[in-house]
Structure formats: structure tokens, C-alpha cells
C-alpha atoms as a PDB file:
ATOM      1  CA  UNK A   1      50.952 -10.064  25.810  1.00  0.00           C
ATOM      2  CA  UNK A   2      48.407  -7.841  27.598  1.00  0.00           C
ATOM      3  CA  UNK A   3      47.930  -5.298  25.344  1.00  0.00           C
ATOM      4  CA  UNK A   4      47.238  -7.803  22.606  1.00  0.00           C
ATOM      5  CA  UNK A   5      44.783  -9.739  25.211  1.00  0.00           C
ATOM      6  CA  UNK A   6      43.195  -5.999  26.253  1.00  0.00           C
ATOM      7  CA  UNK A   7      42.655  -5.960  22.045  1.00  0.00           C
ATOM      8  CA  UNK A   8      40.691  -8.815  21.378  1.00  0.00           C
ATOM      9  CA  UNK A   9      38.522  -8.530  24.551  1.00  0.00           C
ATOM     10  CA  UNK A  10      37.755  -4.592  23.638  1.00  0.00           C
ATOM     11  CA  UNK A  11      37.129  -6.529  19.716  1.00  0.00           C
ATOM     12  CA  UNK A  12      34.821  -8.620  21.260  1.00  0.00           C
ATOM     13  CA  UNK A  13      33.322  -6.919  23.816  1.00  0.00           C
ATOM     14  CA  UNK A  14      32.173  -4.691  21.085  1.00  0.00           C
ATOM     15  CA  UNK A  15      31.625  -7.606  18.458  1.00  0.00           C
ATOM     16  CA  UNK A  16      28.565  -8.747  21.847  1.00  0.00           C
ATOM     17  CA  UNK A  17      27.132  -5.484  21.901  1.00  0.00           C
ATOM     18  CA  UNK A  18      26.456  -5.214  18.475  1.00  0.00           C
ATOM     19  CA  UNK A  19      24.755  -8.429  18.017  1.00  0.00           C
ATOM     20  CA  UNK A  20      22.771  -7.784  21.231  1.00  0.00           C
ATOM     21  CA  UNK A  21      21.389  -4.627  20.183  1.00  0.00           C
ATOM     22  CA  UNK A  22      20.450  -6.074  16.494  1.00  0.00           C
ATOM     23  CA  UNK A  23      18.991  -8.602  18.115  1.00  0.00           C
ATOM     24  CA  UNK A  24      16.761  -6.205  20.474  1.00  0.00           C
ATOM     25  CA  UNK A  25      16.576  -4.422  17.476  1.00  0.00           C
ATOM     26  CA  UNK A  26      14.858  -7.187  15.777  1.00  0.00           C
ATOM     27  CA  UNK A  27      12.916  -8.485  18.020  1.00  0.00           C
ATOM     28  CA  UNK A  28      10.896  -5.136  18.942  1.00  0.00           C
ATOM     29  CA  UNK A  29       9.973  -4.870  15.314  1.00  0.00           C
ATOM     30  CA  UNK A  30       8.679  -8.206  15.203  1.00  0.00           C
ATOM     31  CA  UNK A  31       6.753  -7.266  17.557  1.00  0.00           C
ATOM     32  CA  UNK A  32       5.567  -4.023  16.250  1.00  0.00           C
ATOM     33  CA  UNK A  33       4.429  -6.508  12.790  1.00  0.00           C
ATOM     34  CA  UNK A  34       2.125  -8.415  14.979  1.00  0.00           C
ATOM     35  CA  UNK A  35       0.361  -5.856  16.746  1.00  0.00           C
ATOM     36  CA  UNK A  36      -0.415  -3.977  13.104  1.00  0.00           C
ATOM     37  CA  UNK A  37      -1.842  -7.762  12.500  1.00  0.00           C
ATOM     38  CA  UNK A  38      -3.566  -7.771  15.928  1.00  0.00           C
ATOM     39  CA  UNK A  39      -4.727  -4.009  15.202  1.00  0.00           C
ATOM     40  CA  UNK A  40      -5.792  -4.596  11.751  1.00  0.00           C
ATOM     41  CA  UNK A  41      -8.256  -7.618  12.433  1.00  0.00           C
ATOM     42  CA  UNK A  42      -9.794  -5.829  16.219  1.00  0.00           C
ATOM     43  CA  UNK A  43     -10.613  -3.112  13.913  1.00  0.00           C
ATOM     44  CA  UNK A  44     -11.826  -3.930  11.032  1.00  0.00           C
ATOM     45  CA  UNK A  45     -13.844  -6.735  11.352  1.00  0.00           C
ATOM     46  CA  UNK A  46     -16.380  -5.468  14.160  1.00  0.00           C
ATOM     47  CA  UNK A  47     -16.766  -2.965  11.567  1.00  0.00           C
ATOM     48  CA  UNK A  48     -15.529  -0.320  13.949  1.00  0.00           C
ATOM     49  CA  UNK A  49     -13.529   1.941  10.685  1.00  0.00           C
ATOM     50  CA  UNK A  50     -13.343   1.467   7.074  1.00  0.00           C
ATOM     51  CA  UNK A  51     -10.573  -0.145   5.296  1.00  0.00           C
ATOM     52  CA  UNK A  52     -10.094   3.221   3.684  1.00  0.00           C
ATOM     53  CA  UNK A  53     -10.449   5.270   6.921  1.00  0.00           C
ATOM     54  CA  UNK A  54      -8.162   2.743   8.538  1.00  0.00           C
ATOM     55  CA  UNK A  55      -5.447   3.176   6.252  1.00  0.00           C
ATOM     56  CA  UNK A  56      -4.795   6.458   6.368  1.00  0.00           C
ATOM     57  CA  UNK A  57      -5.491   7.401   9.747  1.00  0.00           C
ATOM     58  CA  UNK A  58      -2.408   4.686   9.684  1.00  0.00           C
ATOM     59  CA  UNK A  59      -0.629   6.110   7.794  1.00  0.00           C
ATOM     60  CA  UNK A  60      -1.074   9.939   7.812  1.00  0.00           C
ATOM     61  CA  UNK A  61      -0.743   9.226  12.499  1.00  0.00           C
ATOM     62  CA  UNK A  62       2.932   7.668  10.765  1.00  0.00           C
ATOM     63  CA  UNK A  63       4.017  10.114   8.622  1.00  0.00           C
ATOM     64  CA  UNK A  64       3.361  12.532  11.359  1.00  0.00           C
ATOM     65  CA  UNK A  65       5.937  10.671  14.025  1.00  0.00           C
ATOM     66  CA  UNK A  66       8.181  10.173  11.380  1.00  0.00           C
ATOM     67  CA  UNK A  67       7.613  13.773   9.932  1.00  0.00           C
ATOM     68  CA  UNK A  68       8.932  15.195  14.048  1.00  0.00           C
ATOM     69  CA  UNK A  69      11.939  12.576  13.799  1.00  0.00           C
ATOM     70  CA  UNK A  70      13.011  13.252  10.848  1.00  0.00           C
ATOM     71  CA  UNK A  71      13.245  16.672  11.403  1.00  0.00           C
ATOM     72  CA  UNK A  72      16.675  17.379  13.462  1.00  0.00           C
ATOM     73  CA  UNK A  73      18.023  14.303  11.442  1.00  0.00           C
ATOM     74  CA  UNK A  74      17.347  16.451   7.607  1.00  0.00           C
ATOM     75  CA  UNK A  75      18.723  19.394   8.729  1.00  0.00           C
ATOM     76  CA  UNK A  76      15.109  21.323   7.836  1.00  0.00           C
ATOM     77  CA  UNK A  77      15.371  20.071   4.039  1.00  0.00           C
ATOM     78  CA  UNK A  78      12.530  18.734   2.497  1.00  0.00           C
ATOM     79  CA  UNK A  79      11.171  15.144   3.006  1.00  0.00           C
ATOM     80  CA  UNK A  80      10.452  14.857  -0.607  1.00  0.00           C
ATOM     81  CA  UNK A  81      14.197  14.788  -0.752  1.00  0.00           C
ATOM     82  CA  UNK A  82      14.277  11.720   1.143  1.00  0.00           C
ATOM     83  CA  UNK A  83      13.047   7.837   0.154  1.00  0.00           C
ATOM     84  CA  UNK A  84      11.839   7.656  -3.733  1.00  0.00           C
ATOM     85  CA  UNK A  85       8.984   7.107  -4.931  1.00  0.00           C
ATOM     86  CA  UNK A  86       9.501   3.272  -5.535  1.00  0.00           C
ATOM     87  CA  UNK A  87       9.600   2.928  -1.733  1.00  0.00           C
ATOM     88  CA  UNK A  88       6.635   4.347  -1.413  1.00  0.00           C
ATOM     89  CA  UNK A  89       4.855   2.494  -4.533  1.00  0.00           C
ATOM     90  CA  UNK A  90       5.226  -0.121  -2.310  1.00  0.00           C
ATOM     91  CA  UNK A  91       4.826   0.545   0.744  1.00  0.00           C
ATOM     92  CA  UNK A  92       0.897   2.199  -0.307  1.00  0.00           C
ATOM     93  CA  UNK A  93       0.068  -1.654  -2.392  1.00  0.00           C
ATOM     94  CA  UNK A  94       1.286  -3.122   0.831  1.00  0.00           C
ATOM     95  CA  UNK A  95      -1.037  -1.294   2.829  1.00  0.00           C
ATOM     96  CA  UNK A  96      -4.209  -1.100   0.556  1.00  0.00           C
ATOM     97  CA  UNK A  97      -3.893  -4.743   0.412  1.00  0.00           C
ATOM     98  CA  UNK A  98      -3.348  -5.648   3.639  1.00  0.00           C
ATOM     99  CA  UNK A  99      -5.469  -3.434   4.677  1.00  0.00           C
ATOM    100  CA  UNK A 100      -8.659  -5.056   3.020  1.00  0.00           C
ATOM    101  CA  UNK A 101      -7.402  -8.629   3.348  1.00  0.00           C
ATOM    102  CA  UNK A 102      -8.565  -8.337   7.167  1.00  0.00           C
ATOM    103  CA  UNK A 103     -11.643  -7.989   6.221  1.00  0.00           C
ATOM    104  CA  UNK A 104     -11.926 -11.804   5.877  1.00  0.00           C
ATOM    105  CA  UNK A 105      -8.873 -13.544   7.676  1.00  0.00           C
ATOM    106  CA  UNK A 106      -8.176 -13.622  10.840  1.00  0.00           C
ATOM    107  CA  UNK A 107      -4.725 -12.313  12.795  1.00  0.00           C
ATOM    108  CA  UNK A 108      -3.023 -15.836  12.778  1.00  0.00           C
ATOM    109  CA  UNK A 109      -3.842 -17.597   8.829  1.00  0.00           C
ATOM    110  CA  UNK A 110      -3.566 -13.681   7.954  1.00  0.00           C
ATOM    111  CA  UNK A 111       0.329 -13.318   9.206  1.00  0.00           C
ATOM    112  CA  UNK A 112       1.482 -16.336   8.603  1.00  0.00           C
ATOM    113  CA  UNK A 113       0.129 -15.556   5.040  1.00  0.00           C
ATOM    114  CA  UNK A 114       1.890 -12.375   4.864  1.00  0.00           C
ATOM    115  CA  UNK A 115       5.407 -13.257   6.671  1.00  0.00           C
ATOM    116  CA  UNK A 116       4.997 -16.478   4.603  1.00  0.00           C
ATOM    117  CA  UNK A 117       5.244 -14.466   0.714  1.00  0.00           C
ATOM    118  CA  UNK A 118       7.836 -12.297   3.043  1.00  0.00           C
ATOM    119  CA  UNK A 119      10.343 -14.716   3.086  1.00  0.00           C
ATOM    120  CA  UNK A 120       9.884 -16.284  -0.325  1.00  0.00           C
ATOM    121  CA  UNK A 121      10.112 -12.682  -1.607  1.00  0.00           C
ATOM    122  CA  UNK A 122      13.475 -11.624   0.310  1.00  0.00           C
ATOM    123  CA  UNK A 123      15.185 -15.101  -0.755  1.00  0.00           C
ATOM    124  CA  UNK A 124      13.957 -15.023  -4.243  1.00  0.00           C
ATOM    125  CA  UNK A 125      15.527 -12.038  -4.750  1.00  0.00           C
ATOM    126  CA  UNK A 126      18.904 -12.522  -2.577  1.00  0.00           C
ATOM    127  CA  UNK A 127      19.120 -15.730  -5.408  1.00  0.00           C
ATOM    128  CA  UNK A 128      18.766 -13.499  -8.435  1.00  0.00           C
ATOM    129  CA  UNK A 129      21.541 -10.900  -6.791  1.00  0.00           C
ATOM    130  CA  UNK A 130      23.732 -13.928  -5.401  1.00  0.00           C
ATOM    131  CA  UNK A 131      23.259 -14.735  -1.974  1.00  0.00           C
ATOM    132  CA  UNK A 132      23.744 -18.755  -2.201  1.00  0.00           C
ATOM    133  CA  UNK A 133      21.898 -20.339   0.803  1.00  0.00           C
ATOM    134  CA  UNK A 134      23.802 -23.443   2.530  1.00  0.00           C
ATOM    135  CA  UNK A 135      21.861 -26.786   1.977  1.00  0.00           C
ATOM    136  CA  UNK A 136      20.614 -27.455   5.721  1.00  0.00           C
ATOM    137  CA  UNK A 137      19.695 -23.316   5.512  1.00  0.00           C
ATOM    138  CA  UNK A 138      17.882 -24.573   2.230  1.00  0.00           C
ATOM    139  CA  UNK A 139      15.806 -27.019   4.074  1.00  0.00           C
ATOM    140  CA  UNK A 140      14.673 -24.852   6.574  1.00  0.00           C
ATOM    141  CA  UNK A 141      13.558 -22.652   4.258  1.00  0.00           C
ATOM    142  CA  UNK A 142      11.125 -25.538   2.473  1.00  0.00           C
ATOM    143  CA  UNK A 143       9.955 -27.116   6.014  1.00  0.00           C
ATOM    144  CA  UNK A 144       8.622 -23.080   6.026  1.00  0.00           C
ATOM    145  CA  UNK A 145       7.141 -22.885   3.140  1.00  0.00           C
ATOM    146  CA  UNK A 146       5.763 -25.815   3.136  1.00  0.00           C
ATOM    147  CA  UNK A 147       3.791 -25.211   5.962  1.00  0.00           C
ATOM    148  CA  UNK A 148       2.190 -21.714   4.439  1.00  0.00           C
ATOM    149  CA  UNK A 149       1.505 -24.117   1.582  1.00  0.00           C
ATOM    150  CA  UNK A 150      -0.316 -26.361   4.124  1.00  0.00           C
ATOM    151  CA  UNK A 151      -2.243 -23.575   5.479  1.00  0.00           C
ATOM    152  CA  UNK A 152      -3.975 -22.154   1.992  1.00  0.00           C
ATOM    153  CA  UNK A 153      -4.499 -25.509   0.403  1.00  0.00           C
ATOM    154  CA  UNK A 154      -8.330 -25.870  -0.436  1.00  0.00           C
ATOM    155  CA  UNK A 155     -10.112 -27.785   2.672  1.00  0.00           C
ATOM    156  CA  UNK A 156     -13.024 -27.173   4.755  1.00  0.00           C
ATOM    157  CA  UNK A 157     -10.785 -25.148   7.202  1.00  0.00           C
ATOM    158  CA  UNK A 158      -8.801 -23.671   4.815  1.00  0.00           C
ATOM    159  CA  UNK A 159      -9.106 -19.064   4.542  1.00  0.00           C
ATOM    160  CA  UNK A 160     -11.215 -17.170   2.303  1.00  0.00           C
ATOM    161  CA  UNK A 161      -9.317 -17.037  -0.944  1.00  0.00           C
ATOM    162  CA  UNK A 162      -9.941 -13.252  -1.614  1.00  0.00           C
ATOM    163  CA  UNK A 163      -8.663 -12.655   1.540  1.00  0.00           C
ATOM    164  CA  UNK A 164      -5.630 -15.062   0.982  1.00  0.00           C
ATOM    165  CA  UNK A 165      -5.053 -13.154  -2.157  1.00  0.00           C
ATOM    166  CA  UNK A 166      -5.289 -10.099  -1.016  1.00  0.00           C
ATOM    167  CA  UNK A 167      -2.673 -10.937   1.946  1.00  0.00           C
ATOM    168  CA  UNK A 168      -0.459 -12.574  -0.555  1.00  0.00           C
ATOM    169  CA  UNK A 169       0.137  -9.205  -2.806  1.00  0.00           C
ATOM    170  CA  UNK A 170       0.514  -7.294   0.273  1.00  0.00           C
ATOM    171  CA  UNK A 171       3.159 -10.088   1.490  1.00  0.00           C
ATOM    172  CA  UNK A 172       4.986  -9.052  -1.830  1.00  0.00           C
ATOM    173  CA  UNK A 173       4.559  -5.344  -1.137  1.00  0.00           C
ATOM    174  CA  UNK A 174       6.037  -5.440   1.957  1.00  0.00           C
ATOM    175  CA  UNK A 175       9.028  -7.958   0.844  1.00  0.00           C
ATOM    176  CA  UNK A 176       9.969  -5.188  -1.364  1.00  0.00           C
ATOM    177  CA  UNK A 177       9.674  -2.605   1.020  1.00  0.00           C
ATOM    178  CA  UNK A 178      11.599  -4.267   3.268  1.00  0.00           C
ATOM    179  CA  UNK A 179      14.324  -4.876   0.393  1.00  0.00           C
ATOM    180  CA  UNK A 180      14.593  -1.596  -0.212  1.00  0.00           C
ATOM    181  CA  UNK A 181      15.143  -0.079   3.119  1.00  0.00           C
ATOM    182  CA  UNK A 182      18.582  -2.667   2.976  1.00  0.00           C
ATOM    183  CA  UNK A 183      19.981   0.401   0.809  1.00  0.00           C
ATOM    184  CA  UNK A 184      18.796   3.394   3.552  1.00  0.00           C
ATOM    185  CA  UNK A 185      21.449   5.417   4.986  1.00  0.00           C
ATOM    186  CA  UNK A 186      19.079   6.652   7.191  1.00  0.00           C
ATOM    187  CA  UNK A 187      16.305   4.902   8.365  1.00  0.00           C
ATOM    188  CA  UNK A 188      14.470   7.388   9.875  1.00  0.00           C
ATOM    189  CA  UNK A 189      14.359  10.262   7.092  1.00  0.00           C
ATOM    190  CA  UNK A 190      14.315   7.822   4.192  1.00  0.00           C
ATOM    191  CA  UNK A 191      10.752   6.177   5.842  1.00  0.00           C
ATOM    192  CA  UNK A 192       9.327   9.750   6.356  1.00  0.00           C
ATOM    193  CA  UNK A 193       9.973  10.220   2.867  1.00  0.00           C
ATOM    194  CA  UNK A 194       8.303   7.118   1.529  1.00  0.00           C
ATOM    195  CA  UNK A 195       5.202   8.179   3.576  1.00  0.00           C
ATOM    196  CA  UNK A 196       5.235  11.512   2.599  1.00  0.00           C
ATOM    197  CA  UNK A 197       4.666  10.187  -1.396  1.00  0.00           C
ATOM    198  CA  UNK A 198       2.451   7.322  -0.426  1.00  0.00           C
ATOM    199  CA  UNK A 199      -0.220   9.340   1.903  1.00  0.00           C
ATOM    200  CA  UNK A 200      -2.163  11.650  -0.580  1.00  0.00           C
ATOM    201  CA  UNK A 201      -2.159   8.071  -2.695  1.00  0.00           C
ATOM    202  CA  UNK A 202      -3.599   5.851  -0.166  1.00  0.00           C
ATOM    203  CA  UNK A 203      -5.637   9.121   0.162  1.00  0.00           C
ATOM    204  CA  UNK A 204      -6.898   8.695  -3.768  1.00  0.00           C
ATOM    205  CA  UNK A 205      -8.405   5.088  -2.038  1.00  0.00           C
ATOM    206  CA  UNK A 206     -10.704   6.873   0.124  1.00  0.00           C
ATOM    207  CA  UNK A 207     -12.237   9.611  -2.294  1.00  0.00           C
ATOM    208  CA  UNK A 208     -13.246   6.248  -4.290  1.00  0.00           C
ATOM    209  CA  UNK A 209     -15.346   4.664  -1.412  1.00  0.00           C
ATOM    210  CA  UNK A 210     -16.392   8.150   0.232  1.00  0.00           C
ATOM    211  CA  UNK A 211     -20.000   7.428   0.306  1.00  0.00           C
ATOM    212  CA  UNK A 212     -19.150   3.705   2.482  1.00  0.00           C
ATOM    213  CA  UNK A 213     -17.035   5.848   5.531  1.00  0.00           C
ATOM    214  CA  UNK A 214     -17.727   4.880   8.960  1.00  0.00           C
ATOM    215  CA  UNK A 215     -14.981   5.849  11.853  1.00  0.00           C
ATOM    216  CA  UNK A 216     -16.331   4.629  14.921  1.00  0.00           C
ATOM    217  CA  UNK A 217     -14.230   6.092  18.729  1.00  0.00           C
ATOM    218  CA  UNK A 218     -12.193   2.659  18.827  1.00  0.00           C
ATOM    219  CA  UNK A 219     -11.407   2.013  15.847  1.00  0.00           C
ATOM    220  CA  UNK A 220      -9.760   5.496  15.141  1.00  0.00           C
ATOM    221  CA  UNK A 221      -7.942   4.430  18.225  1.00  0.00           C
ATOM    222  CA  UNK A 222      -6.902   1.335  16.906  1.00  0.00           C
ATOM    223  CA  UNK A 223      -5.873   2.765  14.014  1.00  0.00           C
ATOM    224  CA  UNK A 224      -3.813   5.314  15.397  1.00  0.00           C
ATOM    225  CA  UNK A 225      -2.228   3.118  17.572  1.00  0.00           C
ATOM    226  CA  UNK A 226      -0.826   1.356  14.394  1.00  0.00           C
ATOM    227  CA  UNK A 227       0.270   3.932  12.476  1.00  0.00           C
ATOM    228  CA  UNK A 228       2.174   6.281  15.129  1.00  0.00           C
ATOM    229  CA  UNK A 229       3.531   3.426  17.231  1.00  0.00           C
ATOM    230  CA  UNK A 230       3.690   0.030  15.549  1.00  0.00           C
ATOM    231  CA  UNK A 231       4.140   1.789  11.760  1.00  0.00           C
ATOM    232  CA  UNK A 232       5.639   4.760  12.089  1.00  0.00           C
ATOM    233  CA  UNK A 233       8.140   3.223  15.138  1.00  0.00           C
ATOM    234  CA  UNK A 234       8.640  -0.123  13.936  1.00  0.00           C
ATOM    235  CA  UNK A 235       9.148   1.058  10.762  1.00  0.00           C
ATOM    236  CA  UNK A 236      12.370   2.377  11.686  1.00  0.00           C
ATOM    237  CA  UNK A 237      13.406  -0.049  14.310  1.00  0.00           C
ATOM    238  CA  UNK A 238      13.019  -2.803  11.299  1.00  0.00           C
ATOM    239  CA  UNK A 239      15.023  -0.250   8.889  1.00  0.00           C
ATOM    240  CA  UNK A 240      17.497   0.380  11.421  1.00  0.00           C
ATOM    241  CA  UNK A 241      17.947  -3.686  12.249  1.00  0.00           C
ATOM    242  CA  UNK A 242      18.323  -4.772   8.615  1.00  0.00           C
ATOM    243  CA  UNK A 243      21.562  -3.534   8.001  1.00  0.00           C
ATOM    244  CA  UNK A 244      22.649  -6.180   9.577  1.00  0.00           C
ATOM    245  CA  UNK A 245      20.434  -8.775   8.219  1.00  0.00           C
ATOM    246  CA  UNK A 246      20.537 -10.766   4.753  1.00  0.00           C
ATOM    247  CA  UNK A 247      17.515 -10.951   1.938  1.00  0.00           C
ATOM    248  CA  UNK A 248      17.074 -14.534   2.827  1.00  0.00           C
ATOM    249  CA  UNK A 249      17.898 -13.854   7.142  1.00  0.00           C
ATOM    250  CA  UNK A 250      15.309 -10.737   6.906  1.00  0.00           C
ATOM    251  CA  UNK A 251      12.881 -13.151   5.113  1.00  0.00           C
ATOM    252  CA  UNK A 252      12.990 -16.463   7.370  1.00  0.00           C
ATOM    253  CA  UNK A 253      12.943 -14.496  10.711  1.00  0.00           C
ATOM    254  CA  UNK A 254       9.838 -12.658  10.060  1.00  0.00           C
ATOM    255  CA  UNK A 255       7.850 -15.846  10.574  1.00  0.00           C
ATOM    256  CA  UNK A 256       8.106 -15.223  13.896  1.00  0.00           C
ATOM    257  CA  UNK A 257       5.286 -12.722  13.550  1.00  0.00           C
ATOM    258  CA  UNK A 258       2.793 -15.601  12.605  1.00  0.00           C
ATOM    259  CA  UNK A 259       4.014 -16.857  15.903  1.00  0.00           C
ATOM    260  CA  UNK A 260       3.576 -13.668  17.746  1.00  0.00           C
ATOM    261  CA  UNK A 261       0.611 -12.847  16.102  1.00  0.00           C
ATOM    262  CA  UNK A 262      -1.379 -16.118  17.171  1.00  0.00           C
ATOM    263  CA  UNK A 263      -0.819 -16.142  20.498  1.00  0.00           C
ATOM    264  CA  UNK A 264      -2.582 -12.188  20.551  1.00  0.00           C
ATOM    265  CA  UNK A 265      -5.105 -14.098  19.010  1.00  0.00           C
ATOM    266  CA  UNK A 266      -5.899 -16.098  21.036  1.00  0.00           C
ATOM    267  CA  UNK A 267      -5.485 -14.649  23.795  1.00  0.00           C
ATOM    268  CA  UNK A 268      -7.321 -11.341  22.677  1.00  0.00           C
ATOM    269  CA  UNK A 269      -9.209 -12.180  20.570  1.00  0.00           C
ATOM    270  CA  UNK A 270     -10.772 -15.697  21.284  1.00  0.00           C
ATOM    271  CA  UNK A 271      -9.509 -16.647  17.950  1.00  0.00           C
ATOM    272  CA  UNK A 272      -9.130 -20.561  17.796  1.00  0.00           C
ATOM    273  CA  UNK A 273      -6.319 -23.173  16.945  1.00  0.00           C
ATOM    274  CA  UNK A 274      -6.859 -25.323  14.663  1.00  0.00           C
ATOM    275  CA  UNK A 275      -5.234 -28.731  13.529  1.00  0.00           C
ATOM    276  CA  UNK A 276      -4.209 -27.044  10.193  1.00  0.00           C
ATOM    277  CA  UNK A 277      -3.244 -23.509  11.930  1.00  0.00           C
ATOM    278  CA  UNK A 278      -1.375 -25.824  14.402  1.00  0.00           C
ATOM    279  CA  UNK A 279       0.753 -28.090  12.149  1.00  0.00           C
ATOM    280  CA  UNK A 280       1.138 -25.432   9.446  1.00  0.00           C
ATOM    281  CA  UNK A 281       2.557 -22.594  12.611  1.00  0.00           C
ATOM    282  CA  UNK A 282       4.774 -25.795  14.074  1.00  0.00           C
ATOM    283  CA  UNK A 283       5.845 -26.251  10.477  1.00  0.00           C
ATOM    284  CA  UNK A 284       7.258 -22.529   9.424  1.00  0.00           C
ATOM    285  CA  UNK A 285       9.165 -22.023  12.765  1.00  0.00           C
ATOM    286  CA  UNK A 286      10.708 -25.378  13.429  1.00  0.00           C
ATOM    287  CA  UNK A 287      12.183 -23.829   9.502  1.00  0.00           C
ATOM    288  CA  UNK A 288      12.848 -20.623  11.060  1.00  0.00           C
ATOM    289  CA  UNK A 289      14.790 -21.763  13.153  1.00  0.00           C
ATOM    290  CA  UNK A 290      17.283 -24.597  10.836  1.00  0.00           C
ATOM    291  CA  UNK A 291      17.961 -21.271   8.587  1.00  0.00           C
ATOM    292  CA  UNK A 292      18.007 -18.818  11.115  1.00  0.00           C
ATOM    293  CA  UNK A 293      20.581 -21.205  12.901  1.00  0.00           C
ATOM    294  CA  UNK A 294      22.837 -22.149   9.676  1.00  0.00           C
ATOM    295  CA  UNK A 295      22.433 -18.531   8.939  1.00  0.00           C
ATOM    296  CA  UNK A 296      24.044 -16.797  12.189  1.00  0.00           C
ATOM    297  CA  UNK A 297      26.772 -19.958  12.193  1.00  0.00           C
ATOM    298  CA  UNK A 298      27.380 -19.220   8.676  1.00  0.00           C
ATOM    299  CA  UNK A 299      27.780 -15.296   9.790  1.00  0.00           C
END
């Protein structure tokens, strides 16, 4: 009997440690995503740096830190053996549309649109692959998406339509990049391989807009922070956390990012909380809680 108790205690302890580890990894990665929105907004809206330059400093510095981290993991092999061109394509699509969208959107609104679309993209993919959320979880998804729809409907306080369209595209790109990462056996090497393929493509965008390049020291520092920490390291943490999440769970949990970005926008950037933003944000957060709690119980 004692041996049985020890066995079940060991299993329970290991399971609890794994759950705690996954929770911490997910929380850190979500904070990194919210910081990406804030950093982009801080750099681009005041004109401290032009969008292509911001994107390339971010992508280039992200590539450097990932390449350094991946050296030990790959045993000196070329990074082109890691990742894929498909993953790099989704990364570029996300990076371009995300960067230009923040010329027109507040950090809070941009994050709401981005991760609302991410949720829809990843949930739809999960349904296509046979994942079947329960009835209550469906209610949570519907409530969260309804909040996103209420935010973007035309009106006096509606976000800029071009910015909203660009951020919608960014959400699709990030959703598929996240889905692609669920199959990664090595998060560091996989992300490094994606970045090494993506960086030349983002540089090509700068060539097309070379005449409007403008970089100030503070803008470059914000882009570097995004590339080295909240993108390079943050993406590795997210790819690691993805292993324990279904497509639907990965989509819905990222809707916590807008709440973090909104709080940061109000505290750091002086953004205002409109009734529309508050109502939409509340609907999205409640939808997350419903969906995540039912998904956890089912698991």
C-alpha cells in the first residue's frame, strides 16, 4: 500500500510541476506579446523610426539572439536545416502587416484585433483538423468574437479601417505561425531557421521604401528591445508552451494579451478607455475565462 501511495504521489507531483511550468511559460510569452504591441506603438506613432526600419531592426536582432541560442542545440549545423520556408512566410506576413498597422492604431485596439483574429484562425484550424469544443466552450468563443466584432463595427470610436484591415492580416499570419510551431521539436532552432529565411524578405521591403527611412536612437532602442527580448526570446518560450495546448486553447489564451496591452497603453502611453473598448474587452475576457476553464476541465 505504501508503494502505491508513493507512486501516485510521484505522479501527482510530476503532473503538478508540468502544469505549473506550462502556466509560467504561457504567462511569460503573453507578456512578451503585449510588450511587442506597446513597443511598436511607442516607436512608430511619434515617428521615432519608420516602419520598415523598425521591422528590420526587430527581425535582425531577433535573428542574432536566436542564432546564438541555437548554436549549442544544432551542433553547428546550418540554420537553413531548421524551420521551414512556410513558417518564414507566415512570419514575414505577420511582421509587415503588424508594423504598418501600428501607424494607425492604439496599442490596446491593435492588440484586441490582432489576437481576436488569432483566436478565430486557430479555432477554425482546430475544427478543420477534428478538434470539437464543447457547448460551453463554444459559448465562450462566440462571446469573445462578439466583443471583437463590436469593437470594429463602424462608428465614431471605431478604429482606423486601414489599420484594422492590416492588423486582421497580421492576426491571420500570427495564427498560422503559431500553428506551425506546434509541430516544432526544437523551439529555439525552429524559430532561428524561420528568422534566417525571413530577414532577407523583410529587408526587401526596406529597399522599396528606402527614401523614407528615418531612425532616431530611441526608436532603434525600442526596436532592439522588441527583437532581442519580446520577439526572439518570447517566441521560443511560446513555441515551448504550445506543446501543451490544443489549437483552440492556444487561440483563446492569447486573447489575454489585449488586456495586458490595454493596461500598458493607459499607464505608459496615456491612451483612453472608451466605453466601446471597455465593453469589447470585457466580453473578450469573459469569453476567455469560459472557454479556458471548460477546456481545462475537459483535459
